[in-house]
Amino acid sequence: MADPKSYIIESLDTGLRLMRLFLTHDTLSVTGAARELEVARSTAHRVLSTLESRGFATRDASGRGYSAGPELVTLGRPAGYGPEIRARLQVVLDAAATATGETISTAALIGDQVIITDGRESPHPVRTVLESGRAHPAHATSAGKVLLAQLTTEQVCALYPEERLTGVTGHTLISRTALLAELAGVRTLGRADSLSESVPGMNAVAVPLAGNSWRDRLALMASMPADRGGEPELARHAVALKKAAGLLPQPPS
């Protein structure tokens, strides 16, 4: 039987190995990629340029490095689904649900969508229904905005190449300029709100939960009927969510 290595296309192999580097590096320079792959700098530049043209890499703010592009982010495995992280999240979900009395969710960013990965449903007769596994447009949800705020401006623009965004309700942000401005505020406050932007009559607040890179970031969100979730309540719930997020056990070394 022929050795599989005899069929390797060298340029494709280099591109695949370079994409794998984004699993362990948030940004890569041409020089750094060449060093890691042990190839010429010109080769690394050509491969990165090719990945950029196909959406698998995007320029960072400096213009000298590259970050994971929207296509690669979309292909990445959603955070929050592995048994180990789900087990660690239970104490966080229980604490947040007890403190707020509202429906609690964890969410991961996949491209320009957020996926609900786990949660607890409120005991209130009128409540937000927990929808584990459901995808929502990230720009219309508090969890999505928290996760988008942890990306670079260049990565956000790559996910939203057009100025006009899809309106989910009459309250959804419908321009990229408005979204970028709100994300700047989210970074400052450490929380994001959604006021009937995803579902009419439903408000939500979210805070960052876990992860140091796009590969494993999660958001912790509390959602509720709008008449029970005005600005004072959302601010109070954000404090409770941050406290609950601090209970996340560290993974075993």
C-alpha atoms as a PDB file:
ATOM      1  CA  MET A   1       0.000   0.000   0.000  1.00  0.00           C
ATOM      2  CA  ALA A   2       1.324   3.418  -0.968  1.00  0.00           C
ATOM      3  CA  ASP A   3       2.520   5.739   1.765  1.00  0.00           C
ATOM      4  CA  PRO A   4      -0.181   8.454   2.244  1.00  0.00           C
ATOM      5  CA  LYS A   5       2.609  11.016   2.615  1.00  0.00           C
ATOM      6  CA  SER A   6       3.552  10.459  -1.012  1.00  0.00           C
ATOM      7  CA  TYR A   7       0.264  12.105  -2.039  1.00  0.00           C
ATOM      8  CA  ILE A   8       0.734  15.258   0.042  1.00  0.00           C
ATOM      9  CA  ILE A   9       0.321  18.561  -1.803  1.00  0.00           C
ATOM     10  CA  GLU A  10       2.941  20.690  -0.130  1.00  0.00           C
ATOM     11  CA  SER A  11       1.201  24.050  -0.462  1.00  0.00           C
ATOM     12  CA  LEU A  12      -2.088  22.627   0.828  1.00  0.00           C
ATOM     13  CA  ASP A  13      -0.280  20.966   3.718  1.00  0.00           C
ATOM     14  CA  THR A  14       1.335  24.296   4.628  1.00  0.00           C
ATOM     15  CA  GLY A  15      -2.040  26.031   4.544  1.00  0.00           C
ATOM     16  CA  LEU A  16      -3.648  23.411   6.768  1.00  0.00           C
ATOM     17  CA  ARG A  17      -0.790  23.559   9.250  1.00  0.00           C
ATOM     18  CA  LEU A  18      -1.051  27.341   9.294  1.00  0.00           C
ATOM     19  CA  MET A  19      -4.798  27.197  10.018  1.00  0.00           C
ATOM     20  CA  ARG A  20      -4.056  24.909  12.950  1.00  0.00           C
ATOM     21  CA  LEU A  21      -1.796  27.604  14.391  1.00  0.00           C
ATOM     22  CA  PHE A  22      -4.863  29.782  14.933  1.00  0.00           C
ATOM     23  CA  LEU A  23      -6.039  27.192  17.475  1.00  0.00           C
ATOM     24  CA  THR A  24      -3.171  28.239  19.738  1.00  0.00           C
ATOM     25  CA  HIS A  25      -2.461  31.818  18.603  1.00  0.00           C
ATOM     26  CA  ASP A  26      -4.955  34.688  18.628  1.00  0.00           C
ATOM     27  CA  THR A  27      -2.736  36.600  16.181  1.00  0.00           C
ATOM     28  CA  LEU A  28       0.060  35.596  13.840  1.00  0.00           C
ATOM     29  CA  SER A  29       2.606  37.720  12.027  1.00  0.00           C
ATOM     30  CA  VAL A  30       4.119  36.613   8.735  1.00  0.00           C
ATOM     31  CA  THR A  31       7.487  36.226  10.435  1.00  0.00           C
ATOM     32  CA  GLY A  32       5.972  34.258  13.316  1.00  0.00           C
ATOM     33  CA  ALA A  33       4.065  31.949  10.986  1.00  0.00           C
ATOM     34  CA  ALA A  34       7.198  31.320   8.910  1.00  0.00           C
ATOM     35  CA  ARG A  35       9.140  30.472  12.063  1.00  0.00           C
ATOM     36  CA  GLU A  36       6.456  28.126  13.415  1.00  0.00           C
ATOM     37  CA  LEU A  37       6.069  26.315  10.093  1.00  0.00           C
ATOM     38  CA  GLU A  38       9.781  26.374   9.231  1.00  0.00           C
ATOM     39  CA  VAL A  39       9.098  27.837   5.800  1.00  0.00           C
ATOM     40  CA  ALA A  40      10.311  30.928   3.992  1.00  0.00           C
ATOM     41  CA  ARG A  41       8.734  34.221   4.940  1.00  0.00           C
ATOM     42  CA  SER A  42       7.504  34.658   1.344  1.00  0.00           C
ATOM     43  CA  THR A  43       5.751  31.281   1.554  1.00  0.00           C
ATOM     44  CA  ALA A  44       4.054  32.195   4.822  1.00  0.00           C
ATOM     45  CA  HIS A  45       2.931  35.503   3.327  1.00  0.00           C
ATOM     46  CA  ARG A  46       1.426  33.824   0.253  1.00  0.00           C
ATOM     47  CA  VAL A  47      -0.427  31.257   2.347  1.00  0.00           C
ATOM     48  CA  LEU A  48      -1.768  33.874   4.768  1.00  0.00           C
ATOM     49  CA  SER A  49      -2.890  36.035   1.847  1.00  0.00           C
ATOM     50  CA  THR A  50      -4.695  33.037   0.340  1.00  0.00           C
ATOM     51  CA  LEU A  51      -6.408  32.258   3.649  1.00  0.00           C
ATOM     52  CA  GLU A  52      -7.406  35.916   3.935  1.00  0.00           C
ATOM     53  CA  SER A  53      -8.949  35.894   0.456  1.00  0.00           C
ATOM     54  CA  ARG A  54     -11.121  32.936   1.454  1.00  0.00           C
ATOM     55  CA  GLY A  55     -12.147  34.316   4.847  1.00  0.00           C
ATOM     56  CA  PHE A  56     -10.039  31.957   6.957  1.00  0.00           C
ATOM     57  CA  ALA A  57      -7.782  34.789   8.166  1.00  0.00           C
ATOM     58  CA  THR A  58      -8.234  38.514   8.629  1.00  0.00           C
ATOM     59  CA  ARG A  59      -5.799  41.398   9.181  1.00  0.00           C
ATOM     60  CA  ASP A  60      -5.470  42.607  12.754  1.00  0.00           C
ATOM     61  CA  ALA A  61      -5.594  46.260  13.811  1.00  0.00           C
ATOM     62  CA  SER A  62      -1.880  46.814  13.195  1.00  0.00           C
ATOM     63  CA  GLY A  63      -2.129  45.620   9.606  1.00  0.00           C
ATOM     64  CA  ARG A  64       1.014  43.537  10.166  1.00  0.00           C
ATOM     65  CA  GLY A  65      -0.575  40.432  11.663  1.00  0.00           C
ATOM     66  CA  TYR A  66      -3.480  38.089  11.081  1.00  0.00           C
ATOM     67  CA  SER A  67      -6.308  36.736  13.230  1.00  0.00           C
ATOM     68  CA  ALA A  68      -8.737  33.874  12.666  1.00  0.00           C
ATOM     69  CA  GLY A  69     -11.226  34.870   9.982  1.00  0.00           C
ATOM     70  CA  PRO A  70     -14.991  34.322  10.014  1.00  0.00           C
ATOM     71  CA  GLU A  71     -14.829  31.073   8.033  1.00  0.00           C
ATOM     72  CA  LEU A  72     -12.427  29.535  10.545  1.00  0.00           C
ATOM     73  CA  VAL A  73     -14.454  30.823  13.503  1.00  0.00           C
ATOM     74  CA  THR A  74     -17.574  29.290  11.975  1.00  0.00           C
ATOM     75  CA  LEU A  75     -15.880  25.919  11.581  1.00  0.00           C
ATOM     76  CA  GLY A  76     -14.587  25.956  15.139  1.00  0.00           C
ATOM     77  CA  ARG A  77     -16.261  23.623  17.600  1.00  0.00           C
ATOM     78  CA  PRO A  78     -18.746  25.502  19.801  1.00  0.00           C
ATOM     79  CA  ALA A  79     -17.499  26.136  23.313  1.00  0.00           C
ATOM     80  CA  GLY A  80     -19.604  24.823  26.163  1.00  0.00           C
ATOM     81  CA  TYR A  81     -20.600  21.453  24.693  1.00  0.00           C
ATOM     82  CA  GLY A  82     -17.860  19.218  26.093  1.00  0.00           C
ATOM     83  CA  PRO A  83     -18.742  17.136  29.180  1.00  0.00           C
ATOM     84  CA  GLU A  84     -15.904  18.619  31.215  1.00  0.00           C
ATOM     85  CA  ILE A  85     -16.919  22.257  30.742  1.00  0.00           C
ATOM     86  CA  ARG A  86     -20.626  21.412  31.138  1.00  0.00           C
ATOM     87  CA  ALA A  87     -19.896  19.799  34.493  1.00  0.00           C
ATOM     88  CA  ARG A  88     -17.877  22.842  35.622  1.00  0.00           C
ATOM     89  CA  LEU A  89     -20.674  25.197  34.573  1.00  0.00           C
ATOM     90  CA  GLN A  90     -23.355  23.659  36.791  1.00  0.00           C
ATOM     91  CA  VAL A  91     -22.392  25.620  39.909  1.00  0.00           C
ATOM     92  CA  VAL A  92     -22.399  28.853  37.868  1.00  0.00           C
ATOM     93  CA  LEU A  93     -25.828  28.200  36.364  1.00  0.00           C
ATOM     94  CA  ASP A  94     -27.329  27.268  39.732  1.00  0.00           C
ATOM     95  CA  ALA A  95     -25.925  30.365  41.441  1.00  0.00           C
ATOM     96  CA  ALA A  96     -27.077  32.703  38.662  1.00  0.00           C
ATOM     97  CA  ALA A  97     -30.563  31.190  38.569  1.00  0.00           C
ATOM     98  CA  THR A  98     -30.947  31.475  42.354  1.00  0.00           C
ATOM     99  CA  ALA A  99     -29.657  35.063  42.452  1.00  0.00           C
ATOM    100  CA  THR A 100     -31.765  36.413  39.575  1.00  0.00           C
ATOM    101  CA  GLY A 101     -34.856  34.211  39.539  1.00  0.00           C
ATOM    102  CA  GLU A 102     -34.784  34.507  35.740  1.00  0.00           C
ATOM    103  CA  THR A 103     -33.936  32.177  32.868  1.00  0.00           C
ATOM    104  CA  ILE A 104     -30.171  31.696  32.659  1.00  0.00           C
ATOM    105  CA  SER A 105     -28.251  30.621  29.560  1.00  0.00           C
ATOM    106  CA  THR A 106     -24.700  30.050  28.456  1.00  0.00           C
ATOM    107  CA  ALA A 107     -23.926  30.882  24.840  1.00  0.00           C
ATOM    108  CA  ALA A 108     -21.074  30.454  22.375  1.00  0.00           C
ATOM    109  CA  LEU A 109     -20.290  32.497  19.270  1.00  0.00           C
ATOM    110  CA  ILE A 110     -20.221  30.662  15.948  1.00  0.00           C
ATOM    111  CA  GLY A 111     -19.642  33.065  13.099  1.00  0.00           C
ATOM    112  CA  ASP A 112     -22.293  35.792  13.369  1.00  0.00           C
ATOM    113  CA  GLN A 113     -24.617  33.576  15.408  1.00  0.00           C
ATOM    114  CA  VAL A 114     -24.791  32.648  19.091  1.00  0.00           C
ATOM    115  CA  ILE A 115     -25.696  29.118  20.138  1.00  0.00           C
ATOM    116  CA  ILE A 116     -27.385  28.504  23.496  1.00  0.00           C
ATOM    117  CA  THR A 117     -25.388  25.674  25.081  1.00  0.00           C
ATOM    118  CA  ASP A 118     -27.000  25.156  28.498  1.00  0.00           C
ATOM    119  CA  GLY A 119     -29.062  26.907  31.127  1.00  0.00           C
ATOM    120  CA  ARG A 120     -31.770  27.018  33.770  1.00  0.00           C
ATOM    121  CA  GLU A 121     -35.388  28.054  33.230  1.00  0.00           C
ATOM    122  CA  SER A 122     -37.041  30.581  35.521  1.00  0.00           C
ATOM    123  CA  PRO A 123     -39.710  29.311  37.935  1.00  0.00           C
ATOM    124  CA  HIS A 124     -41.926  32.344  37.202  1.00  0.00           C
ATOM    125  CA  PRO A 125     -45.231  31.504  35.460  1.00  0.00           C
ATOM    126  CA  VAL A 126     -44.406  34.140  32.820  1.00  0.00           C
ATOM    127  CA  ARG A 127     -40.807  33.575  31.768  1.00  0.00           C
ATOM    128  CA  THR A 128     -38.362  33.252  28.925  1.00  0.00           C
ATOM    129  CA  VAL A 129     -38.199  29.692  27.613  1.00  0.00           C
ATOM    130  CA  LEU A 130     -34.769  28.053  27.665  1.00  0.00           C
ATOM    131  CA  GLU A 131     -33.840  27.073  24.083  1.00  0.00           C
ATOM    132  CA  SER A 132     -30.670  24.987  24.315  1.00  0.00           C
ATOM    133  CA  GLY A 133     -29.103  24.411  20.924  1.00  0.00           C
ATOM    134  CA  ARG A 134     -30.937  27.272  19.234  1.00  0.00           C
ATOM    135  CA  ALA A 135     -29.026  29.849  17.186  1.00  0.00           C
ATOM    136  CA  HIS A 136     -29.742  33.593  17.287  1.00  0.00           C
ATOM    137  CA  PRO A 137     -28.185  36.506  15.349  1.00  0.00           C
ATOM    138  CA  ALA A 138     -25.329  37.656  17.573  1.00  0.00           C
ATOM    139  CA  HIS A 139     -25.891  41.387  17.027  1.00  0.00           C
ATOM    140  CA  ALA A 140     -29.464  41.076  18.347  1.00  0.00           C
ATOM    141  CA  THR A 141     -28.676  39.375  21.664  1.00  0.00           C
ATOM    142  CA  SER A 142     -26.915  40.429  24.841  1.00  0.00           C
ATOM    143  CA  ALA A 143     -24.817  37.242  24.863  1.00  0.00           C
ATOM    144  CA  GLY A 144     -23.843  37.795  21.244  1.00  0.00           C
ATOM    145  CA  LYS A 145     -22.796  41.381  21.873  1.00  0.00           C
ATOM    146  CA  VAL A 146     -20.676  40.343  24.872  1.00  0.00           C
ATOM    147  CA  LEU A 147     -18.876  37.775  22.719  1.00  0.00           C
ATOM    148  CA  LEU A 148     -18.512  40.094  19.717  1.00  0.00           C
ATOM    149  CA  ALA A 149     -16.993  42.710  22.046  1.00  0.00           C
ATOM    150  CA  GLN A 150     -14.137  40.315  22.749  1.00  0.00           C
ATOM    151  CA  LEU A 151     -13.187  40.209  19.062  1.00  0.00           C
ATOM    152  CA  THR A 152     -11.104  42.849  17.330  1.00  0.00           C
ATOM    153  CA  THR A 153     -12.853  45.490  15.249  1.00  0.00           C
ATOM    154  CA  GLU A 154     -11.351  43.845  12.162  1.00  0.00           C
ATOM    155  CA  GLN A 155     -12.827  40.467  13.086  1.00  0.00           C
ATOM    156  CA  VAL A 156     -16.261  42.015  13.698  1.00  0.00           C
ATOM    157  CA  CYS A 157     -16.116  43.783  10.321  1.00  0.00           C
ATOM    158  CA  ALA A 158     -15.140  40.504   8.667  1.00  0.00           C
ATOM    159  CA  LEU A 159     -18.199  38.841  10.201  1.00  0.00           C
ATOM    160  CA  TYR A 160     -20.365  41.778   9.080  1.00  0.00           C
ATOM    161  CA  PRO A 161     -18.928  42.915   5.726  1.00  0.00           C
ATOM    162  CA  GLU A 162     -21.997  45.033   4.905  1.00  0.00           C
ATOM    163  CA  GLU A 163     -23.003  48.222   6.723  1.00  0.00           C
ATOM    164  CA  ARG A 164     -26.643  47.175   6.956  1.00  0.00           C
ATOM    165  CA  LEU A 165     -27.493  44.426   9.455  1.00  0.00           C
ATOM    166  CA  THR A 166     -30.572  42.231   9.555  1.00  0.00           C
ATOM    167  CA  GLY A 167     -33.383  43.595  11.701  1.00  0.00           C
ATOM    168  CA  VAL A 168     -34.912  40.852  13.861  1.00  0.00           C
ATOM    169  CA  THR A 169     -37.368  43.165  15.639  1.00  0.00           C
ATOM    170  CA  GLY A 170     -38.069  46.876  15.440  1.00  0.00           C
ATOM    171  CA  HIS A 171     -35.459  47.435  18.167  1.00  0.00           C
ATOM    172  CA  THR A 172     -32.531  45.532  16.633  1.00  0.00           C
ATOM    173  CA  LEU A 173     -29.369  47.401  15.662  1.00  0.00           C
ATOM    174  CA  ILE A 174     -29.411  47.551  11.873  1.00  0.00           C
ATOM    175  CA  SER A 175     -26.093  49.199  11.084  1.00  0.00           C
ATOM    176  CA  ARG A 176     -22.539  47.988  11.589  1.00  0.00           C
ATOM    177  CA  THR A 177     -21.534  51.482  12.722  1.00  0.00           C
ATOM    178  CA  ALA A 178     -24.104  51.366  15.531  1.00  0.00           C
ATOM    179  CA  LEU A 179     -23.016  47.856  16.481  1.00  0.00           C
ATOM    180  CA  LEU A 180     -19.335  48.839  16.711  1.00  0.00           C
ATOM    181  CA  ALA A 181     -20.255  51.830  18.868  1.00  0.00           C
ATOM    182  CA  GLU A 182     -22.282  49.641  21.215  1.00  0.00           C
ATOM    183  CA  LEU A 183     -19.504  47.055  21.424  1.00  0.00           C
ATOM    184  CA  ALA A 184     -17.128  49.797  22.583  1.00  0.00           C
ATOM    185  CA  GLY A 185     -19.528  50.501  25.432  1.00  0.00           C
ATOM    186  CA  VAL A 186     -19.805  46.805  26.249  1.00  0.00           C
ATOM    187  CA  ARG A 187     -16.035  46.586  26.617  1.00  0.00           C
ATOM    188  CA  THR A 188     -16.132  49.480  29.060  1.00  0.00           C
ATOM    189  CA  LEU A 189     -19.074  48.206  31.139  1.00  0.00           C
ATOM    190  CA  GLY A 190     -18.246  44.500  31.014  1.00  0.00           C
ATOM    191  CA  ARG A 191     -21.880  43.692  30.206  1.00  0.00           C
ATOM    192  CA  ALA A 192     -24.325  43.892  27.298  1.00  0.00           C
ATOM    193  CA  ASP A 193     -28.081  44.465  27.230  1.00  0.00           C
ATOM    194  CA  SER A 194     -30.712  43.469  24.720  1.00  0.00           C
ATOM    195  CA  LEU A 195     -33.983  45.393  24.927  1.00  0.00           C
ATOM    196  CA  SER A 196     -36.573  43.569  22.817  1.00  0.00           C
ATOM    197  CA  GLU A 197     -33.889  43.265  20.114  1.00  0.00           C
ATOM    198  CA  SER A 198     -34.149  39.499  19.638  1.00  0.00           C
ATOM    199  CA  VAL A 199     -37.703  38.772  20.764  1.00  0.00           C
ATOM    200  CA  PRO A 200     -40.379  41.481  21.222  1.00  0.00           C
ATOM    201  CA  GLY A 201     -41.139  42.015  24.894  1.00  0.00           C
ATOM    202  CA  MET A 202     -38.037  40.187  26.121  1.00  0.00           C
ATOM    203  CA  ASN A 203     -35.006  41.863  27.697  1.00  0.00           C
ATOM    204  CA  ALA A 204     -31.682  40.287  28.602  1.00  0.00           C
ATOM    205  CA  VAL A 205     -28.296  41.075  30.073  1.00  0.00           C
ATOM    206  CA  ALA A 206     -25.060  39.112  29.619  1.00  0.00           C
ATOM    207  CA  VAL A 207     -21.507  39.088  30.945  1.00  0.00           C
ATOM    208  CA  PRO A 208     -18.366  37.233  29.852  1.00  0.00           C
ATOM    209  CA  LEU A 209     -18.079  33.819  31.472  1.00  0.00           C
ATOM    210  CA  ALA A 210     -15.066  31.860  30.322  1.00  0.00           C
ATOM    211  CA  GLY A 211     -12.317  31.591  27.760  1.00  0.00           C
ATOM    212  CA  ASN A 212      -9.309  33.606  26.740  1.00  0.00           C
ATOM    213  CA  SER A 213      -9.670  33.316  22.956  1.00  0.00           C
ATOM    214  CA  TRP A 214     -12.342  32.946  20.265  1.00  0.00           C
ATOM    215  CA  ARG A 215     -12.004  29.162  20.567  1.00  0.00           C
ATOM    216  CA  ASP A 216     -13.428  28.792  24.061  1.00  0.00           C
ATOM    217  CA  ARG A 217     -15.269  31.969  25.040  1.00  0.00           C
ATOM    218  CA  LEU A 218     -18.724  31.771  26.592  1.00  0.00           C
ATOM    219  CA  ALA A 219     -21.259  34.338  27.767  1.00  0.00           C
ATOM    220  CA  LEU A 220     -23.606  34.062  30.745  1.00  0.00           C
ATOM    221  CA  MET A 221     -27.043  35.586  30.098  1.00  0.00           C
ATOM    222  CA  ALA A 222     -30.194  36.279  32.102  1.00  0.00           C
ATOM    223  CA  SER A 223     -33.371  36.866  30.087  1.00  0.00           C
ATOM    224  CA  MET A 224     -36.830  37.922  31.225  1.00  0.00           C
ATOM    225  CA  PRO A 225     -40.063  39.648  30.183  1.00  0.00           C
ATOM    226  CA  ALA A 226     -39.480  43.347  29.567  1.00  0.00           C
ATOM    227  CA  ASP A 227     -41.888  44.426  32.317  1.00  0.00           C
ATOM    228  CA  ARG A 228     -39.626  42.633  34.809  1.00  0.00           C
ATOM    229  CA  GLY A 229     -36.346  43.699  33.224  1.00  0.00           C
ATOM    230  CA  GLY A 230     -35.892  47.439  33.072  1.00  0.00           C
ATOM    231  CA  GLU A 231     -32.544  49.197  33.409  1.00  0.00           C
ATOM    232  CA  PRO A 232     -32.349  48.898  37.236  1.00  0.00           C
ATOM    233  CA  GLU A 233     -33.126  45.178  37.124  1.00  0.00           C
ATOM    234  CA  LEU A 234     -30.670  44.519  34.298  1.00  0.00           C
ATOM    235  CA  ALA A 235     -27.910  46.339  36.171  1.00  0.00           C
ATOM    236  CA  ARG A 236     -28.646  44.349  39.320  1.00  0.00           C
ATOM    237  CA  HIS A 237     -28.740  41.065  37.420  1.00  0.00           C
ATOM    238  CA  ALA A 238     -25.415  41.898  35.751  1.00  0.00           C
ATOM    239  CA  VAL A 239     -23.798  42.144  39.181  1.00  0.00           C
ATOM    240  CA  ALA A 240     -25.275  38.760  40.120  1.00  0.00           C
ATOM    241  CA  LEU A 241     -24.099  37.197  36.848  1.00  0.00           C
ATOM    242  CA  LYS A 242     -20.551  38.462  37.346  1.00  0.00           C
ATOM    243  CA  LYS A 243     -20.523  37.040  40.866  1.00  0.00           C
ATOM    244  CA  ALA A 244     -21.808  33.686  39.598  1.00  0.00           C
ATOM    245  CA  ALA A 245     -19.251  33.676  36.770  1.00  0.00           C
ATOM    246  CA  GLY A 246     -16.521  34.033  39.376  1.00  0.00           C
ATOM    247  CA  LEU A 247     -17.538  30.656  40.825  1.00  0.00           C
ATOM    248  CA  LEU A 248     -16.451  28.762  37.691  1.00  0.00           C
ATOM    249  CA  PRO A 249     -13.975  26.112  38.848  1.00  0.00           C
ATOM    250  CA  GLN A 250     -10.607  26.115  37.152  1.00  0.00           C
ATOM    251  CA  PRO A 251      -9.959  23.129  34.862  1.00  0.00           C
ATOM    252  CA  PRO A 252      -7.728  20.438  36.317  1.00  0.00           C
ATOM    253  CA  SER A 253      -4.063  20.972  35.484  1.00  0.00           C
END
